[in-house]
Amino acid sequence: MNHAAINALVAERVMGWKFWLETRGEYLYVIPQRTGDREPWTRYRDGESHKERYKPITTAEFDSRNQIHLWRDNFDPSRNIAHAMEVFDKWTHASIEKSGGAYEVTINSWATEYRTDICIAICLAALRAMGVPDKEIEEVANG
């Protein structure tokens, strides 16, 4: 299970975050911009002079460039139940049921995921509810 890739995809597609590739000399960083946050260069007093260091990037781009490891953030919905519930709480029509040793997470009456790990079930059901194709979900989950 590729937790970093799942977390990044959930942040982008479900939570609405943007990502920026920051270049500092020879070093590259992936900077998340949470919904409602300002662009990363605006945190500098002379922000406009720093703007050229930042380039918008999607999770598909930085994952395909093997830069998933450059993303540093404490948002971990695939392993942290509090973060997974932030994802789950974005919907008003959602349910969680436990059956045997597995959890059934249903969002919008049709995006359903059965897993023994509730955090993974929430993340994958949320991605399905946002219309992310099954093939992409499976590639990220198993990548």
Protein backbone atom coordinates (compact mmCIF):
# COMPACT_ATOMS: atom_id res chain seq x y z
CA MET A 1 0.00 0.00 0.00
CA ASN A 2 1.51 3.35 -1.05
CA HIS A 3 0.27 5.57 1.77
CA ALA A 4 2.11 8.71 0.63
CA ALA A 5 0.55 8.49 -2.85
CA ILE A 6 -2.94 7.85 -1.45
CA ASN A 7 -2.59 10.79 0.97
CA ALA A 8 -1.47 13.13 -1.80
CA LEU A 9 -4.28 12.04 -4.15
CA VAL A 10 -6.89 12.46 -1.41
CA ALA A 11 -5.47 15.90 -0.57
CA GLU A 12 -5.69 16.98 -4.21
CA ARG A 13 -8.89 15.36 -5.46
CA VAL A 14 -11.02 15.20 -2.31
CA MET A 15 -9.79 18.05 -0.11
CA GLY A 16 -9.11 20.44 -3.01
CA TRP A 17 -5.49 21.20 -2.20
CA LYS A 18 -3.00 22.48 -4.78
CA PHE A 19 0.64 21.49 -4.96
CA TRP A 20 3.65 23.55 -5.91
CA LEU A 21 7.11 22.36 -6.93
CA GLU A 22 9.57 24.68 -5.21
CA THR A 23 13.12 24.90 -6.54
CA ARG A 24 15.86 26.14 -4.22
CA GLY A 25 19.14 25.82 -6.01
CA GLU A 26 19.54 22.10 -6.72
CA TYR A 27 16.88 21.09 -4.19
CA LEU A 28 13.24 20.40 -5.00
CA TYR A 29 10.34 20.45 -2.56
CA VAL A 30 6.65 19.71 -3.04
CA ILE A 31 4.65 22.28 -1.08
CA PRO A 32 0.93 21.71 -0.36
CA GLN A 33 -1.47 24.64 -0.47
CA ARG A 34 -4.49 23.76 1.62
CA THR A 35 -7.90 25.08 0.66
CA GLY A 36 -8.15 28.68 1.82
CA ASP A 37 -4.37 29.15 2.16
CA ARG A 38 -2.48 31.75 0.15
CA GLU A 39 0.13 30.83 -2.45
CA PRO A 40 3.41 29.72 -0.82
CA TRP A 41 5.52 32.63 -2.06
CA THR A 42 3.25 35.12 -0.27
CA ARG A 43 4.71 34.10 3.09
CA TYR A 44 7.85 36.08 2.19
CA ARG A 45 8.01 39.81 2.76
CA ASP A 46 9.10 40.29 -0.85
CA GLY A 47 6.91 37.48 -2.18
CA GLU A 48 6.88 38.50 -5.83
CA SER A 49 10.66 38.03 -6.04
CA HIS A 50 10.24 34.42 -4.84
CA LYS A 51 7.34 33.61 -7.17
CA GLU A 52 9.53 32.20 -9.96
CA ARG A 53 10.73 29.41 -7.64
CA TYR A 54 7.25 27.86 -7.62
CA LYS A 55 5.55 25.89 -10.37
CA PRO A 56 2.08 24.30 -10.04
CA ILE A 57 2.24 20.51 -10.11
CA THR A 58 -0.34 17.73 -9.85
CA THR A 59 0.05 14.57 -7.81
CA ALA A 60 0.28 12.62 -11.08
CA GLU A 61 3.23 14.76 -12.16
CA PHE A 62 5.23 14.55 -8.97
CA ASP A 63 4.42 10.89 -8.50
CA SER A 64 5.45 10.05 -12.06
CA ARG A 65 8.69 11.97 -11.51
CA ASN A 66 9.25 9.86 -8.38
CA GLN A 67 9.00 12.94 -6.19
CA ILE A 68 6.29 11.69 -3.85
CA HIS A 69 8.99 11.50 -1.18
CA LEU A 70 9.55 15.27 -1.50
CA TRP A 71 6.07 16.02 -0.13
CA ARG A 72 6.26 16.67 3.57
CA ASP A 73 3.02 17.22 5.39
CA ASN A 74 1.41 15.70 8.44
CA PHE A 75 -1.87 15.01 6.58
CA ASP A 76 -2.07 11.20 6.74
CA PRO A 77 -5.68 10.06 6.17
CA SER A 78 -4.64 6.59 5.03
CA ARG A 79 -3.21 5.82 8.50
CA ASN A 80 -4.58 8.44 10.90
CA ILE A 81 -8.26 8.05 11.83
CA ALA A 82 -8.67 11.74 12.77
CA HIS A 83 -7.45 12.77 9.31
CA ALA A 84 -9.57 10.08 7.65
CA MET A 85 -12.63 11.46 9.44
CA GLU A 86 -11.85 14.94 8.06
CA VAL A 87 -12.16 13.35 4.62
CA PHE A 88 -15.32 11.43 5.59
CA ASP A 89 -16.97 14.53 7.07
CA LYS A 90 -16.92 16.33 3.70
CA TRP A 91 -20.09 14.40 2.78
CA THR A 92 -23.56 14.57 4.26
CA HIS A 93 -24.64 11.26 2.71
CA ALA A 94 -22.04 8.84 4.03
CA SER A 95 -22.05 5.84 6.31
CA ILE A 96 -19.68 3.39 7.95
CA GLU A 97 -20.78 -0.09 8.95
CA LYS A 98 -18.70 -2.85 10.46
CA SER A 99 -19.41 -6.36 9.27
CA GLY A 100 -17.23 -9.10 10.66
CA GLY A 101 -13.64 -7.94 10.39
CA ALA A 102 -14.24 -5.41 7.61
CA TYR A 103 -15.63 -1.91 7.30
CA GLU A 104 -18.09 -0.89 4.63
CA VAL A 105 -17.78 2.80 3.79
CA THR A 106 -20.46 4.23 1.50
CA ILE A 107 -20.47 7.79 0.19
CA ASN A 108 -23.33 9.29 -1.85
CA SER A 109 -25.12 5.92 -1.88
CA TRP A 110 -22.89 4.44 -4.60
CA ALA A 111 -19.18 4.84 -3.80
CA THR A 112 -18.59 1.82 -1.57
CA GLU A 113 -15.38 0.31 -0.28
CA TYR A 114 -14.92 -2.81 1.87
CA ARG A 115 -11.63 -3.03 3.77
CA THR A 116 -10.28 -4.29 7.07
CA ASP A 117 -8.54 -0.92 7.51
CA ILE A 118 -11.12 1.82 8.07
CA CYS A 119 -8.74 4.64 7.07
CA ILE A 120 -7.99 3.03 3.70
CA ALA A 121 -11.70 2.30 3.17
CA ILE A 122 -12.59 5.97 3.77
CA CYS A 123 -9.83 7.24 1.45
CA LEU A 124 -10.69 4.90 -1.43
CA ALA A 125 -14.46 5.45 -1.12
CA ALA A 126 -13.87 9.23 -1.10
CA LEU A 127 -11.76 9.02 -4.25
CA ARG A 128 -14.47 6.96 -5.97
CA ALA A 129 -17.11 9.50 -4.87
CA MET A 130 -15.04 12.25 -6.51
CA GLY A 131 -15.05 10.32 -9.80
CA VAL A 132 -11.44 9.16 -9.76
CA PRO A 133 -11.30 6.14 -12.11
CA ASP A 134 -10.89 2.73 -10.48
CA LYS A 135 -7.74 2.08 -12.50
CA GLU A 136 -6.07 5.22 -11.13
CA ILE A 137 -7.15 4.38 -7.58
CA GLU A 138 -5.73 0.85 -7.84
CA GLU A 139 -2.45 2.11 -9.36
CA VAL A 140 -1.99 4.56 -6.52
CA ALA A 141 -3.07 2.12 -3.82
CA ASN A 142 -0.82 -0.67 -5.05
CA GLY A 143 2.00 1.50 -6.43
